[in-house]
C-alpha atoms as a PDB file:
ATOM      1  CA  MET A   1     -16.582  13.699-121.677  1.00  0.00           C
ATOM      2  CA  ALA A   2     -15.063  16.612-123.804  1.00  0.00           C
ATOM      3  CA  SER A   3     -11.980  16.682-121.448  1.00  0.00           C
ATOM      4  CA  SER A   4     -11.430  12.923-122.006  1.00  0.00           C
ATOM      5  CA  ILE A   5     -11.620  13.349-125.747  1.00  0.00           C
ATOM      6  CA  CYS A   6      -9.263  16.262-125.550  1.00  0.00           C
ATOM      7  CA  GLN A   7      -6.757  14.373-123.518  1.00  0.00           C
ATOM      8  CA  ASN A   8      -7.068  11.273-125.556  1.00  0.00           C
ATOM      9  CA  LEU A   9      -6.522  13.111-128.761  1.00  0.00           C
ATOM     10  CA  ILE A  10      -3.679  15.263-127.452  1.00  0.00           C
ATOM     11  CA  ARG A  11      -1.748  12.095-126.499  1.00  0.00           C
ATOM     12  CA  LYS A  12      -2.165  10.399-129.779  1.00  0.00           C
ATOM     13  CA  VAL A  13       0.770  10.288-132.044  1.00  0.00           C
ATOM     14  CA  TRP A  14       0.654  12.826-135.049  1.00  0.00           C
ATOM     15  CA  ARG A  15       0.144  11.035-138.580  1.00  0.00           C
ATOM     16  CA  SER A  16       1.333  12.417-141.931  1.00  0.00           C
ATOM     17  CA  TYR A  17      -1.516  14.046-143.749  1.00  0.00           C
ATOM     18  CA  ALA A  18       0.131  13.120-147.024  1.00  0.00           C
ATOM     19  CA  ASP A  19       0.951   9.438-146.213  1.00  0.00           C
ATOM     20  CA  ASP A  20      -1.698   8.440-143.718  1.00  0.00           C
ATOM     21  CA  LEU A  21      -4.820   9.831-144.914  1.00  0.00           C
ATOM     22  CA  GLY A  22      -6.015   6.454-146.163  1.00  0.00           C
ATOM     23  CA  LYS A  23      -5.814   5.209-142.647  1.00  0.00           C
ATOM     24  CA  ALA A  24      -8.381   7.794-141.267  1.00  0.00           C
ATOM     25  CA  PRO A  25     -11.672   6.082-140.467  1.00  0.00           C
ATOM     26  CA  ARG A  26     -14.928   6.608-142.324  1.00  0.00           C
ATOM     27  CA  THR A  27     -16.629   7.074-139.000  1.00  0.00           C
ATOM     28  CA  GLU A  28     -17.834  10.037-137.095  1.00  0.00           C
ATOM     29  CA  GLY A  29     -15.411  11.754-134.756  1.00  0.00           C
ATOM     30  CA  ILE A  30     -13.299  14.845-133.836  1.00  0.00           C
ATOM     31  CA  TYR A  31     -10.084  15.409-135.905  1.00  0.00           C
ATOM     32  CA  THR A  32      -7.261  17.924-135.867  1.00  0.00           C
ATOM     33  CA  ILE A  33      -4.832  19.142-138.484  1.00  0.00           C
ATOM     34  CA  GLY A  34      -1.347  20.286-137.465  1.00  0.00           C
ATOM     35  CA  PHE A  35       1.687  21.903-139.041  1.00  0.00           C
ATOM     36  CA  GLU A  36       5.110  20.473-138.063  1.00  0.00           C
ATOM     37  CA  HIS A  37       7.846  23.247-137.890  1.00  0.00           C
ATOM     38  CA  SER A  38      11.577  22.780-138.491  1.00  0.00           C
ATOM     39  CA  ASP A  39      12.234  22.086-134.818  1.00  0.00           C
ATOM     40  CA  GLY A  40       9.865  19.071-134.763  1.00  0.00           C
ATOM     41  CA  GLU A  41       7.121  20.847-132.859  1.00  0.00           C
ATOM     42  CA  VAL A  42       3.588  20.481-134.349  1.00  0.00           C
ATOM     43  CA  GLU A  43       1.302  23.312-133.882  1.00  0.00           C
ATOM     44  CA  TYR A  44      -2.432  22.560-133.727  1.00  0.00           C
ATOM     45  CA  MET A  45      -4.000  24.594-136.680  1.00  0.00           C
ATOM     46  CA  TYR A  46      -7.525  23.370-136.713  1.00  0.00           C
ATOM     47  CA  VAL A  47      -9.961  21.118-135.020  1.00  0.00           C
ATOM     48  CA  GLY A  48     -13.197  19.865-136.490  1.00  0.00           C
ATOM     49  CA  HIS A  49     -16.063  17.335-136.368  1.00  0.00           C
ATOM     50  CA  SER A  50     -17.183  15.033-139.153  1.00  0.00           C
ATOM     51  CA  ILE A  51     -19.524  12.223-139.750  1.00  0.00           C
ATOM     52  CA  ASN A  52     -17.062  10.700-141.891  1.00  0.00           C
ATOM     53  CA  ILE A  53     -13.317  11.751-140.789  1.00  0.00           C
ATOM     54  CA  ARG A  54     -11.586  10.466-143.952  1.00  0.00           C
ATOM     55  CA  ARG A  55     -13.935  12.092-146.334  1.00  0.00           C
ATOM     56  CA  ARG A  56     -13.785  15.343-144.531  1.00  0.00           C
ATOM     57  CA  LEU A  57      -9.967  15.432-144.631  1.00  0.00           C
ATOM     58  CA  GLN A  58     -10.057  14.713-148.333  1.00  0.00           C
ATOM     59  CA  GLN A  59     -12.460  17.607-148.686  1.00  0.00           C
ATOM     60  CA  HIS A  60     -10.094  19.851-147.094  1.00  0.00           C
ATOM     61  CA  LYS A  61      -7.856  19.353-150.116  1.00  0.00           C
ATOM     62  CA  ARG A  62     -10.255  21.025-152.467  1.00  0.00           C
ATOM     63  CA  GLN A  63     -12.824  23.056-150.699  1.00  0.00           C
ATOM     64  CA  ASP A  64     -12.848  26.794-150.098  1.00  0.00           C
ATOM     65  CA  SER A  65     -12.328  27.775-146.407  1.00  0.00           C
ATOM     66  CA  ASP A  66      -9.340  28.981-144.315  1.00  0.00           C
ATOM     67  CA  ILE A  67      -8.204  25.505-143.280  1.00  0.00           C
ATOM     68  CA  SER A  68      -8.773  24.100-146.837  1.00  0.00           C
ATOM     69  CA  GLU A  69      -6.804  26.860-148.418  1.00  0.00           C
ATOM     70  CA  PHE A  70      -3.944  26.310-145.873  1.00  0.00           C
ATOM     71  CA  VAL A  71      -4.040  22.597-146.621  1.00  0.00           C
ATOM     72  CA  GLN A  72      -4.052  23.186-150.351  1.00  0.00           C
ATOM     73  CA  GLU A  73      -1.065  25.607-150.157  1.00  0.00           C
ATOM     74  CA  GLN A  74       0.890  22.977-148.193  1.00  0.00           C
ATOM     75  CA  PHE A  75       0.216  20.292-150.690  1.00  0.00           C
ATOM     76  CA  LEU A  76       1.215  22.634-153.507  1.00  0.00           C
ATOM     77  CA  LEU A  77       4.283  23.690-151.720  1.00  0.00           C
ATOM     78  CA  ASP A  78       5.825  20.251-150.778  1.00  0.00           C
ATOM     79  CA  GLY A  79       3.250  17.561-151.146  1.00  0.00           C
ATOM     80  CA  GLY A  80       1.790  18.460-147.590  1.00  0.00           C
ATOM     81  CA  GLN A  81       4.964  16.814-145.926  1.00  0.00           C
ATOM     82  CA  ASN A  82       4.710  19.135-142.945  1.00  0.00           C
ATOM     83  CA  LEU A  83       0.771  18.469-142.422  1.00  0.00           C
ATOM     84  CA  ARG A  84      -0.116  16.169-139.567  1.00  0.00           C
ATOM     85  CA  ILE A  85      -3.373  14.706-138.633  1.00  0.00           C
ATOM     86  CA  LYS A  86      -4.937  12.946-135.620  1.00  0.00           C
ATOM     87  CA  TRP A  87      -8.544  11.839-134.912  1.00  0.00           C
ATOM     88  CA  LYS A  88     -10.864  10.318-132.174  1.00  0.00           C
ATOM     89  CA  GLU A  89     -13.890   8.318-133.347  1.00  0.00           C
ATOM     90  CA  GLU A  90     -16.871   9.554-131.283  1.00  0.00           C
ATOM     91  CA  GLU A  91     -20.479   9.175-131.712  1.00  0.00           C
ATOM     92  CA  ASP A  92     -22.417  12.517-131.504  1.00  0.00           C
ATOM     93  CA  GLY A  93     -19.169  14.276-131.769  1.00  0.00           C
ATOM     94  CA  SER A  94     -20.737  17.432-133.128  1.00  0.00           C
ATOM     95  CA  CYS A  95     -22.069  17.980-129.505  1.00  0.00           C
ATOM     96  CA  VAL A  96     -18.577  18.220-128.062  1.00  0.00           C
ATOM     97  CA  GLU A  97     -16.654  19.942-130.894  1.00  0.00           C
ATOM     98  CA  GLY A  98     -16.911  23.361-129.039  1.00  0.00           C
ATOM     99  CA  LEU A  99     -16.096  21.787-125.654  1.00  0.00           C
ATOM    100  CA  TYR A 100     -13.169  20.103-127.338  1.00  0.00           C
ATOM    101  CA  LEU A 101     -11.912  23.514-128.542  1.00  0.00           C
ATOM    102  CA  ASP A 102     -12.263  25.030-125.077  1.00  0.00           C
ATOM    103  CA  CYS A 103     -10.363  22.178-123.534  1.00  0.00           C
ATOM    104  CA  MET A 104      -7.585  22.313-126.262  1.00  0.00           C
ATOM    105  CA  THR A 105      -7.226  26.076-125.556  1.00  0.00           C
ATOM    106  CA  ASP A 106      -6.771  25.374-121.698  1.00  0.00           C
ATOM    107  CA  LYS A 107      -4.526  22.433-122.212  1.00  0.00           C
ATOM    108  CA  LEU A 108      -2.449  23.751-124.849  1.00  0.00           C
ATOM    109  CA  GLY A 109      -2.561  27.334-124.152  1.00  0.00           C
ATOM    110  CA  TYR A 110      -3.675  28.626-127.538  1.00  0.00           C
ATOM    111  CA  TRP A 111      -6.590  28.478-129.702  1.00  0.00           C
ATOM    112  CA  PRO A 112      -6.125  26.824-133.092  1.00  0.00           C
ATOM    113  CA  GLU A 113      -5.264  29.404-135.501  1.00  0.00           C
ATOM    114  CA  LEU A 114      -7.518  28.402-138.270  1.00  0.00           C
ATOM    115  CA  ASN A 115     -10.695  27.673-136.267  1.00  0.00           C
ATOM    116  CA  ARG A 116     -12.986  30.736-137.006  1.00  0.00           C
ATOM    117  CA  GLN A 117     -15.794  29.542-134.925  1.00  0.00           C
ATOM    118  CA  ASP A 118     -16.452  28.184-131.544  1.00  0.00           C
ATOM    119  CA  GLY A 119     -17.623  24.820-132.577  1.00  0.00           C
ATOM    120  CA  ASN A 120     -21.040  22.965-132.017  1.00  0.00           C
ATOM    121  CA  ARG A 121     -22.472  22.377-128.536  1.00  0.00           C
ATOM    122  CA  CYS A 122     -25.652  20.479-127.822  1.00  0.00           C
ATOM    123  CA  MET A 123     -26.547  21.905-124.466  1.00  0.00           C
END
């Protein structure tokens, strides 16, 4: 299950954090935040789970955590123009958050820089 979530989310098109936040669902799922570099490559910075994806992405703009501080700095710098988001709606997503992080590390070859914990697992 986590592998299919991982593949599905990796294949999704990145959306602009600044312009498309309002399109994020108010449902449970796994989401990721990326940073688009000048060469057009998007680096996965963070993967998380939320029971309300849109609300959680909005919270990152004002809370105190490594990813939230990064998001806030980017919005202050240029309105968040290089921040990207994707999500996958998923019931019981908290049970696969850690598995997704493992899958992402395997598929992309790196751990998202701003993920400080291994994520939840319900095993």
